[in-house]
Amino acid sequence: KSCAETVSRLEKSIKDHDKNREGRLKDLEKNIKTIKSHIQAASKDLKGHENERERLVMEQEAVVQEQSSLENQLASLRTQISTLTSDLDKQRAKV
C-alpha cells in the first residue's frame, strides 16, 4: 500500500514537473521572440542612424568645401580691391 502511494505521488510529481517545464519553455520561447523583435527594431534604428550620420558627414564635407571656396573668393576680392585702390591712388596722383 505504501509503495503504491509513493508511486502515485511520484507520478503526480512528474506530471506537475512536466507541466511546469512546458510552461517555462513557452515563456522562454515568448521571451526569445520578444527579444528577437527588439533586436530587429534596434538593428533597423541603428541602420537609420548610420544612414543619417553618413548624410551629415557628407553635408559637413560640402560645407567645408563651400567655406574654402568662399574664403578663396574673399581673398581674390580683397586683392582686387587692393589693386583698384592702388590704381585709384595713382590716378588721383596724376590729377
PDB file of N, CA and C in Angstrom:
ATOM      1  N   LYS A   1       0.834  -1.197   0.000  1.00  0.00           N
ATOM      2  CA  LYS A   1       0.000   0.000   0.000  1.00  0.00           C
ATOM      3  C   LYS A   1       0.875   1.255   0.000  1.00  0.00           C
ATOM      4  N   SER A   2       1.880   1.259   0.811  1.00  0.00           N
ATOM      5  CA  SER A   2       2.784   2.403   0.921  1.00  0.00           C
ATOM      6  C   SER A   2       3.531   2.630  -0.387  1.00  0.00           C
ATOM      7  N   CYS A   3       3.941   1.535  -1.017  1.00  0.00           N
ATOM      8  CA  CYS A   3       4.652   1.650  -2.300  1.00  0.00           C
ATOM      9  C   CYS A   3       3.736   2.230  -3.365  1.00  0.00           C
ATOM     10  N   ALA A   4       2.489   1.796  -3.381  1.00  0.00           N
ATOM     11  CA  ALA A   4       1.532   2.287  -4.372  1.00  0.00           C
ATOM     12  C   ALA A   4       1.316   3.784  -4.192  1.00  0.00           C
ATOM     13  N   GLU A   5       1.233   4.236  -2.944  1.00  0.00           N
ATOM     14  CA  GLU A   5       1.056   5.674  -2.676  1.00  0.00           C
ATOM     15  C   GLU A   5       2.289   6.457  -3.126  1.00  0.00           C
ATOM     16  N   THR A   6       3.455   5.909  -2.844  1.00  0.00           N
ATOM     17  CA  THR A   6       4.705   6.574  -3.235  1.00  0.00           C
ATOM     18  C   THR A   6       4.790   6.680  -4.748  1.00  0.00           C
ATOM     19  N   VAL A   7       4.466   5.577  -5.438  1.00  0.00           N
ATOM     20  CA  VAL A   7       4.486   5.586  -6.899  1.00  0.00           C
ATOM     21  C   VAL A   7       3.480   6.604  -7.428  1.00  0.00           C
ATOM     22  N   SER A   8       2.301   6.634  -6.834  1.00  0.00           N
ATOM     23  CA  SER A   8       1.265   7.575  -7.257  1.00  0.00           C
ATOM     24  C   SER A   8       1.740   9.017  -7.061  1.00  0.00           C
ATOM     25  N   ARG A   9       2.360   9.293  -5.912  1.00  0.00           N
ATOM     26  CA  ARG A   9       2.872  10.645  -5.638  1.00  0.00           C
ATOM     27  C   ARG A   9       3.992  11.014  -6.622  1.00  0.00           C
ATOM     28  N   LEU A  10       4.851  10.042  -6.900  1.00  0.00           N
ATOM     29  CA  LEU A  10       5.943  10.294  -7.844  1.00  0.00           C
ATOM     30  C   LEU A  10       5.401  10.584  -9.247  1.00  0.00           C
ATOM     31  N   GLU A  11       4.393   9.801  -9.667  1.00  0.00           N
ATOM     32  CA  GLU A  11       3.790  10.032 -10.979  1.00  0.00           C
ATOM     33  C   GLU A  11       3.166  11.424 -11.057  1.00  0.00           C
ATOM     34  N   LYS A  12       2.457  11.799  -9.978  1.00  0.00           N
ATOM     35  CA  LYS A  12       1.830  13.122  -9.925  1.00  0.00           C
ATOM     36  C   LYS A  12       2.900  14.209  -9.959  1.00  0.00           C
ATOM     37  N   SER A  13       3.968  14.003  -9.218  1.00  0.00           N
ATOM     38  CA  SER A  13       5.068  14.968  -9.174  1.00  0.00           C
ATOM     39  C   SER A  13       5.712  15.117 -10.549  1.00  0.00           C
ATOM     40  N   ILE A  14       5.894  13.986 -11.236  1.00  0.00           N
ATOM     41  CA  ILE A  14       6.481  14.007 -12.585  1.00  0.00           C
ATOM     42  C   ILE A  14       5.575  14.775 -13.543  1.00  0.00           C
ATOM     43  N   LYS A  15       4.255  14.521 -13.470  1.00  0.00           N
ATOM     44  CA  LYS A  15       3.306  15.228 -14.339  1.00  0.00           C
ATOM     45  C   LYS A  15       3.321  16.729 -14.056  1.00  0.00           C
ATOM     46  N   ASP A  16       3.307  17.083 -12.761  1.00  0.00           N
ATOM     47  CA  ASP A  16       3.341  18.508 -12.386  1.00  0.00           C
ATOM     48  C   ASP A  16       4.629  19.169 -12.883  1.00  0.00           C
ATOM     49  N   HIS A  17       5.725  18.457 -12.686  1.00  0.00           N
ATOM     50  CA  HIS A  17       7.016  18.990 -13.118  1.00  0.00           C
ATOM     51  C   HIS A  17       7.030  19.178 -14.636  1.00  0.00           C
ATOM     52  N   ASP A  18       6.447  18.219 -15.359  1.00  0.00           N
ATOM     53  CA  ASP A  18       6.387  18.284 -16.814  1.00  0.00           C
ATOM     54  C   ASP A  18       5.544  19.479 -17.255  1.00  0.00           C
ATOM     55  N   LYS A  19       4.403  19.698 -16.581  1.00  0.00           N
ATOM     56  CA  LYS A  19       3.546  20.843 -16.912  1.00  0.00           C
ATOM     57  C   LYS A  19       4.297  22.154 -16.657  1.00  0.00           C
ATOM     58  N   ASN A  20       4.978  22.222 -15.512  1.00  0.00           N
ATOM     59  CA  ASN A  20       5.751  23.429 -15.193  1.00  0.00           C
ATOM     60  C   ASN A  20       6.841  23.663 -16.239  1.00  0.00           C
ATOM     61  N   ARG A  21       7.471  22.561 -16.651  1.00  0.00           N
ATOM     62  CA  ARG A  21       8.538  22.649 -17.647  1.00  0.00           C
ATOM     63  C   ARG A  21       7.988  23.190 -18.963  1.00  0.00           C
ATOM     64  N   GLU A  22       6.839  22.677 -19.377  1.00  0.00           N
ATOM     65  CA  GLU A  22       6.221  23.151 -20.616  1.00  0.00           C
ATOM     66  C   GLU A  22       5.877  24.633 -20.518  1.00  0.00           C
ATOM     67  N   GLY A  23       5.353  25.034 -19.377  1.00  0.00           N
ATOM     68  CA  GLY A  23       5.016  26.450 -19.168  1.00  0.00           C
ATOM     69  C   GLY A  23       6.253  27.329 -19.228  1.00  0.00           C
ATOM     70  N   ARG A  24       7.317  26.861 -18.589  1.00  0.00           N
ATOM     71  CA  ARG A  24       8.569  27.635 -18.606  1.00  0.00           C
ATOM     72  C   ARG A  24       9.135  27.711 -20.018  1.00  0.00           C
ATOM     73  N   LEU A  25       9.054  26.601 -20.757  1.00  0.00           N
ATOM     74  CA  LEU A  25       9.541  26.599 -22.140  1.00  0.00           C
ATOM     75  C   LEU A  25       8.748  27.576 -23.009  1.00  0.00           C
ATOM     76  N   LYS A  26       7.424  27.582 -22.834  1.00  0.00           N
ATOM     77  CA  LYS A  26       6.592  28.516 -23.596  1.00  0.00           C
ATOM     78  C   LYS A  26       6.950  29.955 -23.244  1.00  0.00           C
ATOM     79  N   ASP A  27       7.151  30.218 -21.939  1.00  0.00           N
ATOM     80  CA  ASP A  27       7.548  31.567 -21.513  1.00  0.00           C
ATOM     81  C   ASP A  27       8.893  31.954 -22.115  1.00  0.00           C
ATOM     82  N   LEU A  28       9.829  30.998 -22.118  1.00  0.00           N
ATOM     83  CA  LEU A  28      11.148  31.273 -22.696  1.00  0.00           C
ATOM     84  C   LEU A  28      11.044  31.551 -24.195  1.00  0.00           C
ATOM     85  N   GLU A  29      10.229  30.755 -24.890  1.00  0.00           N
ATOM     86  CA  GLU A  29      10.040  30.972 -26.325  1.00  0.00           C
ATOM     87  C   GLU A  29       9.434  32.347 -26.591  1.00  0.00           C
ATOM     88  N   LYS A  30       8.463  32.733 -25.757  1.00  0.00           N
ATOM     89  CA  LYS A  30       7.838  34.044 -25.897  1.00  0.00           C
ATOM     90  C   LYS A  30       8.874  35.147 -25.657  1.00  0.00           C
ATOM     91  N   ASN A  31       9.697  34.968 -24.618  1.00  0.00           N
ATOM     92  CA  ASN A  31      10.749  35.953 -24.325  1.00  0.00           C
ATOM     93  C   ASN A  31      11.755  36.045 -25.467  1.00  0.00           C
ATOM     94  N   ILE A  32      12.106  34.893 -26.033  1.00  0.00           N
ATOM     95  CA  ILE A  32      13.052  34.875 -27.156  1.00  0.00           C
ATOM     96  C   ILE A  32      12.468  35.633 -28.346  1.00  0.00           C
ATOM     97  N   LYS A  33      11.189  35.399 -28.651  1.00  0.00           N
ATOM     98  CA  LYS A  33      10.545  36.112 -29.757  1.00  0.00           C
ATOM     99  C   LYS A  33      10.534  37.613 -29.498  1.00  0.00           C
ATOM    100  N   THR A  34      10.227  37.999 -28.261  1.00  0.00           N
ATOM    101  CA  THR A  34      10.210  39.424 -27.907  1.00  0.00           C
ATOM    102  C   THR A  34      11.591  40.036 -28.068  1.00  0.00           C
ATOM    103  N   ILE A  35      12.607  39.323 -27.586  1.00  0.00           N
ATOM    104  CA  ILE A  35      13.986  39.820 -27.690  1.00  0.00           C
ATOM    105  C   ILE A  35      14.401  39.933 -29.153  1.00  0.00           C
ATOM    106  N   LYS A  36      14.049  38.916 -29.963  1.00  0.00           N
ATOM    107  CA  LYS A  36      14.370  38.970 -31.396  1.00  0.00           C
ATOM    108  C   LYS A  36      13.715  40.185 -32.041  1.00  0.00           C
ATOM    109  N   SER A  37      12.475  40.439 -31.673  1.00  0.00           N
ATOM    110  CA  SER A  37      11.755  41.587 -32.215  1.00  0.00           C
ATOM    111  C   SER A  37      12.448  42.889 -31.822  1.00  0.00           C
ATOM    112  N   HIS A  38      12.861  42.975 -30.547  1.00  0.00           N
ATOM    113  CA  HIS A  38      13.575  44.174 -30.086  1.00  0.00           C
ATOM    114  C   HIS A  38      14.908  44.335 -30.825  1.00  0.00           C
ATOM    115  N   ILE A  39      15.597  43.223 -31.035  1.00  0.00           N
ATOM    116  CA  ILE A  39      16.885  43.274 -31.744  1.00  0.00           C
ATOM    117  C   ILE A  39      16.675  43.756 -33.178  1.00  0.00           C
ATOM    118  N   GLN A  40      15.640  43.251 -33.836  1.00  0.00           N
ATOM    119  CA  GLN A  40      15.363  43.676 -35.212  1.00  0.00           C
ATOM    120  C   GLN A  40      15.040  45.165 -35.264  1.00  0.00           C
ATOM    121  N   ALA A  41      14.226  45.627 -34.304  1.00  0.00           N
ATOM    122  CA  ALA A  41      13.879  47.050 -34.265  1.00  0.00           C
ATOM    123  C   ALA A  41      15.121  47.895 -33.995  1.00  0.00           C
ATOM    124  N   ALA A  42      15.954  47.443 -33.060  1.00  0.00           N
ATOM    125  CA  ALA A  42      17.183  48.182 -32.739  1.00  0.00           C
ATOM    126  C   ALA A  42      18.128  48.196 -33.936  1.00  0.00           C
ATOM    127  N   SER A  43      18.195  47.080 -34.639  1.00  0.00           N
ATOM    128  CA  SER A  43      19.053  46.994 -35.824  1.00  0.00           C
ATOM    129  C   SER A  43      18.564  47.955 -36.907  1.00  0.00           C
ATOM    130  N   LYS A  44      17.255  48.013 -37.080  1.00  0.00           N
ATOM    131  CA  LYS A  44      16.671  48.927 -38.064  1.00  0.00           C
ATOM    132  C   LYS A  44      16.966  50.374 -37.671  1.00  0.00           C
ATOM    133  N   ASP A  45      16.786  50.690 -36.376  1.00  0.00           N
ATOM    134  CA  ASP A  45      17.094  52.040 -35.890  1.00  0.00           C
ATOM    135  C   ASP A  45      18.566  52.369 -36.111  1.00  0.00           C
ATOM    136  N   LEU A  46      19.433  51.407 -35.814  1.00  0.00           N
ATOM    137  CA  LEU A  46      20.875  51.618 -35.973  1.00  0.00           C
ATOM    138  C   LEU A  46      21.213  51.917 -37.430  1.00  0.00           C
ATOM    139  N   LYS A  47      20.615  51.161 -38.335  1.00  0.00           N
ATOM    140  CA  LYS A  47      20.866  51.390 -39.762  1.00  0.00           C
ATOM    141  C   LYS A  47      20.403  52.787 -40.157  1.00  0.00           C
ATOM    142  N   GLY A  48      19.249  53.188 -39.641  1.00  0.00           N
ATOM    143  CA  GLY A  48      18.751  54.539 -39.916  1.00  0.00           C
ATOM    144  C   GLY A  48      19.698  55.599 -39.385  1.00  0.00           C
ATOM    145  N   HIS A  49      20.208  55.375 -38.168  1.00  0.00           N
ATOM    146  CA  HIS A  49      21.151  56.328 -37.577  1.00  0.00           C
ATOM    147  C   HIS A  49      22.452  56.371 -38.375  1.00  0.00           C
ATOM    148  N   GLU A  50      22.905  55.213 -38.836  1.00  0.00           N
ATOM    149  CA  GLU A  50      24.130  55.166 -39.646  1.00  0.00           C
ATOM    150  C   GLU A  50      23.936  55.940 -40.949  1.00  0.00           C
ATOM    151  N   ASN A  51      22.772  55.764 -41.576  1.00  0.00           N
ATOM    152  CA  ASN A  51      22.485  56.491 -42.815  1.00  0.00           C
ATOM    153  C   ASN A  51      22.432  57.997 -42.556  1.00  0.00           C
ATOM    154  N   GLU A  52      21.804  58.381 -41.450  1.00  0.00           N
ATOM    155  CA  GLU A  52      21.719  59.798 -41.086  1.00  0.00           C
ATOM    156  C   GLU A  52      23.108  60.358 -40.812  1.00  0.00           C
ATOM    157  N   ARG A  53      23.935  59.587 -40.125  1.00  0.00           N
ATOM    158  CA  ARG A  53      25.305  60.022 -39.820  1.00  0.00           C
ATOM    159  C   ARG A  53      26.088  60.219 -41.118  1.00  0.00           C
ATOM    160  N   GLU A  54      25.947  59.260 -42.026  1.00  0.00           N
ATOM    161  CA  GLU A  54      26.650  59.350 -43.313  1.00  0.00           C
ATOM    162  C   GLU A  54      26.197  60.589 -44.087  1.00  0.00           C
ATOM    163  N   ARG A  55      24.897  60.857 -44.061  1.00  0.00           N
ATOM    164  CA  ARG A  55      24.363  62.038 -44.742  1.00  0.00           C
ATOM    165  C   ARG A  55      24.934  63.310 -44.118  1.00  0.00           C
ATOM    166  N   LEU A  56      24.983  63.352 -42.784  1.00  0.00           N
ATOM    167  CA  LEU A  56      25.509  64.535 -42.102  1.00  0.00           C
ATOM    168  C   LEU A  56      26.998  64.735 -42.371  1.00  0.00           C
ATOM    169  N   VAL A  57      27.744  63.635 -42.441  1.00  0.00           N
ATOM    170  CA  VAL A  57      29.179  63.734 -42.749  1.00  0.00           C
ATOM    171  C   VAL A  57      29.362  64.307 -44.154  1.00  0.00           C
ATOM    172  N   MET A  58      28.565  63.819 -45.103  1.00  0.00           N
ATOM    173  CA  MET A  58      28.657  64.329 -46.475  1.00  0.00           C
ATOM    174  C   MET A  58      28.280  65.813 -46.515  1.00  0.00           C
ATOM    175  N   GLU A  59      27.238  66.167 -45.769  1.00  0.00           N
ATOM    176  CA  GLU A  59      26.812  67.566 -45.710  1.00  0.00           C
ATOM    177  C   GLU A  59      27.917  68.433 -45.095  1.00  0.00           C
ATOM    178  N   GLN A  60      28.555  67.922 -44.050  1.00  0.00           N
ATOM    179  CA  GLN A  60      29.650  68.657 -43.407  1.00  0.00           C
ATOM    180  C   GLN A  60      30.800  68.866 -44.393  1.00  0.00           C
ATOM    181  N   GLU A  61      31.139  67.826 -45.142  1.00  0.00           N
ATOM    182  CA  GLU A  61      32.212  67.937 -46.135  1.00  0.00           C
ATOM    183  C   GLU A  61      31.867  68.988 -47.190  1.00  0.00           C
ATOM    184  N   ALA A  62      30.607  69.019 -47.611  1.00  0.00           N
ATOM    185  CA  ALA A  62      30.177  70.012 -48.603  1.00  0.00           C
ATOM    186  C   ALA A  62      30.293  71.421 -48.025  1.00  0.00           C
ATOM    187  N   VAL A  63      29.922  71.590 -46.766  1.00  0.00           N
ATOM    188  CA  VAL A  63      30.015  72.903 -46.120  1.00  0.00           C
ATOM    189  C   VAL A  63      31.474  73.339 -46.005  1.00  0.00           C
ATOM    190  N   VAL A  64      32.355  72.400 -45.662  1.00  0.00           N
ATOM    191  CA  VAL A  64      33.786  72.719 -45.557  1.00  0.00           C
ATOM    192  C   VAL A  64      34.323  73.155 -46.920  1.00  0.00           C
ATOM    193  N   GLN A  65      33.928  72.448 -47.974  1.00  0.00           N
ATOM    194  CA  GLN A  65      34.366  72.821 -49.331  1.00  0.00           C
ATOM    195  C   GLN A  65      33.833  74.201 -49.711  1.00  0.00           C
ATOM    196  N   GLU A  66      32.562  74.442 -49.370  1.00  0.00           N
ATOM    197  CA  GLU A  66      31.965  75.746 -49.679  1.00  0.00           C
ATOM    198  C   GLU A  66      32.685  76.857 -48.911  1.00  0.00           C
ATOM    199  N   GLN A  67      33.012  76.604 -47.659  1.00  0.00           N
ATOM    200  CA  GLN A  67      33.740  77.590 -46.857  1.00  0.00           C
ATOM    201  C   GLN A  67      35.095  77.897 -47.494  1.00  0.00           C
ATOM    202  N   SER A  68      35.793  76.859 -47.916  1.00  0.00           N
ATOM    203  CA  SER A  68      37.096  77.038 -48.556  1.00  0.00           C
ATOM    204  C   SER A  68      36.960  77.867 -49.830  1.00  0.00           C
ATOM    205  N   SER A  69      35.950  77.555 -50.623  1.00  0.00           N
ATOM    206  CA  SER A  69      35.708  78.289 -51.864  1.00  0.00           C
ATOM    207  C   SER A  69      35.403  79.757 -51.566  1.00  0.00           C
ATOM    208  N   LEU A  70      34.562  80.007 -50.553  1.00  0.00           N
ATOM    209  CA  LEU A  70      34.213  81.388 -50.198  1.00  0.00           C
ATOM    210  C   LEU A  70      35.425  82.148 -49.668  1.00  0.00           C
ATOM    211  N   GLU A  71      36.270  81.453 -48.905  1.00  0.00           N
ATOM    212  CA  GLU A  71      37.489  82.096 -48.404  1.00  0.00           C
ATOM    213  C   GLU A  71      38.416  82.470 -49.560  1.00  0.00           C
ATOM    214  N   ASN A  72      38.509  81.592 -50.565  1.00  0.00           N
ATOM    215  CA  ASN A  72      39.318  81.899 -51.754  1.00  0.00           C
ATOM    216  C   ASN A  72      38.745  83.091 -52.515  1.00  0.00           C
ATOM    217  N   GLN A  73      37.410  83.115 -52.651  1.00  0.00           N
ATOM    218  CA  GLN A  73      36.763  84.250 -53.322  1.00  0.00           C
ATOM    219  C   GLN A  73      37.022  85.542 -52.556  1.00  0.00           C
ATOM    220  N   LEU A  74      36.938  85.475 -51.234  1.00  0.00           N
ATOM    221  CA  LEU A  74      37.176  86.647 -50.396  1.00  0.00           C
ATOM    222  C   LEU A  74      38.605  87.153 -50.576  1.00  0.00           C
ATOM    223  N   ALA A  75      39.564  86.248 -50.574  1.00  0.00           N
ATOM    224  CA  ALA A  75      40.965  86.640 -50.774  1.00  0.00           C
ATOM    225  C   ALA A  75      41.143  87.290 -52.144  1.00  0.00           C
ATOM    226  N   SER A  76      40.501  86.722 -53.160  1.00  0.00           N
ATOM    227  CA  SER A  76      40.583  87.273 -54.513  1.00  0.00           C
ATOM    228  C   SER A  76      39.964  88.670 -54.561  1.00  0.00           C
ATOM    229  N   LEU A  77      38.810  88.838 -53.923  1.00  0.00           N
ATOM    230  CA  LEU A  77      38.147  90.147 -53.907  1.00  0.00           C
ATOM    231  C   LEU A  77      38.987  91.173 -53.152  1.00  0.00           C
ATOM    232  N   ARG A  78      39.617  90.758 -52.077  1.00  0.00           N
ATOM    233  CA  ARG A  78      40.491  91.675 -51.329  1.00  0.00           C
ATOM    234  C   ARG A  78      41.671  92.117 -52.203  1.00  0.00           C
ATOM    235  N   THR A  79      42.213  91.165 -52.953  1.00  0.00           N
ATOM    236  CA  THR A  79      43.313  91.502 -53.865  1.00  0.00           C
ATOM    237  C   THR A  79      42.834  92.495 -54.919  1.00  0.00           C
ATOM    238  N   GLN A  80      41.639  92.249 -55.473  1.00  0.00           N
ATOM    239  CA  GLN A  80      41.078  93.169 -56.475  1.00  0.00           C
ATOM    240  C   GLN A  80      40.855  94.556 -55.877  1.00  0.00           C
ATOM    241  N   ILE A  81      40.317  94.603 -54.670  1.00  0.00           N
ATOM    242  CA  ILE A  81      40.081  95.887 -54.002  1.00  0.00           C
ATOM    243  C   ILE A  81      41.404  96.617 -53.797  1.00  0.00           C
ATOM    244  N   SER A  82      42.397  95.878 -53.350  1.00  0.00           N
ATOM    245  CA  SER A  82      43.717  96.471 -53.127  1.00  0.00           C
ATOM    246  C   SER A  82      44.291  97.025 -54.430  1.00  0.00           C
ATOM    247  N   THR A  83      44.175  96.245 -55.494  1.00  0.00           N
ATOM    248  CA  THR A  83      44.676  96.684 -56.802  1.00  0.00           C
ATOM    249  C   THR A  83      43.925  97.921 -57.276  1.00  0.00           C
ATOM    250  N   LEU A  84      42.580  97.880 -57.154  1.00  0.00           N
ATOM    251  CA  LEU A  84      41.770  99.027 -57.588  1.00  0.00           C
ATOM    252  C   LEU A  84      42.077 100.262 -56.749  1.00  0.00           C
ATOM    253  N   THR A  85      42.274 100.083 -55.452  1.00  0.00           N
ATOM    254  CA  THR A  85      42.613 101.206 -54.574  1.00  0.00           C
ATOM    255  C   THR A  85      43.953 101.802 -54.981  1.00  0.00           C
ATOM    256  N   SER A  86      44.893 100.924 -55.257  1.00  0.00           N
ATOM    257  CA  SER A  86      46.218 101.374 -55.689  1.00  0.00           C
ATOM    258  C   SER A  86      46.126 102.129 -57.019  1.00  0.00           C
ATOM    259  N   ASP A  87      45.365 101.574 -57.966  1.00  0.00           N
ATOM    260  CA  ASP A  87      45.183 102.241 -59.261  1.00  0.00           C
ATOM    261  C   ASP A  87      44.508 103.597 -59.084  1.00  0.00           C
ATOM    262  N   LEU A  88      43.501 103.634 -58.207  1.00  0.00           N
ATOM    263  CA  LEU A  88      42.786 104.880 -57.943  1.00  0.00           C
ATOM    264  C   LEU A  88      43.733 105.925 -57.351  1.00  0.00           C
ATOM    265  N   ASP A  89      44.568 105.491 -56.410  1.00  0.00           N
ATOM    266  CA  ASP A  89      45.539 106.406 -55.803  1.00  0.00           C
ATOM    267  C   ASP A  89      46.504 106.943 -56.860  1.00  0.00           C
ATOM    268  N   LYS A  90      46.919 106.091 -57.787  1.00  0.00           N
ATOM    269  CA  LYS A  90      47.824 106.524 -58.866  1.00  0.00           C
ATOM    270  C   LYS A  90      47.134 107.547 -59.768  1.00  0.00           C
ATOM    271  N   GLN A  91      45.843 107.275 -60.089  1.00  0.00           N
ATOM    272  CA  GLN A  91      45.086 108.205 -60.934  1.00  0.00           C
ATOM    273  C   GLN A  91      44.915 109.549 -60.234  1.00  0.00           C
ATOM    274  N   ARG A  92      44.659 109.515 -58.931  1.00  0.00           N
ATOM    275  CA  ARG A  92      44.498 110.753 -58.169  1.00  0.00           C
ATOM    276  C   ARG A  92      45.813 111.540 -58.155  1.00  0.00           C
ATOM    277  N   ALA A  93      46.905 110.811 -58.059  1.00  0.00           N
ATOM    278  CA  ALA A  93      48.216 111.473 -58.025  1.00  0.00           C
ATOM    279  C   ALA A  93      48.499 112.174 -59.348  1.00  0.00           C
ATOM    280  N   LYS A  94      48.009 111.592 -60.440  1.00  0.00           N
ATOM    281  CA  LYS A  94      48.217 112.202 -61.757  1.00  0.00           C
ATOM    282  C   LYS A  94      47.404 113.477 -61.894  1.00  0.00           C
ATOM    283  N   VAL A  95      46.237 113.485 -61.299  1.00  0.00           N
ATOM    284  CA  VAL A  95      45.318 114.627 -61.423  1.00  0.00           C
ATOM    285  C   VAL A  95      45.705 115.669 -60.446  1.00  0.00           C
TER     286      VAL A  95
END
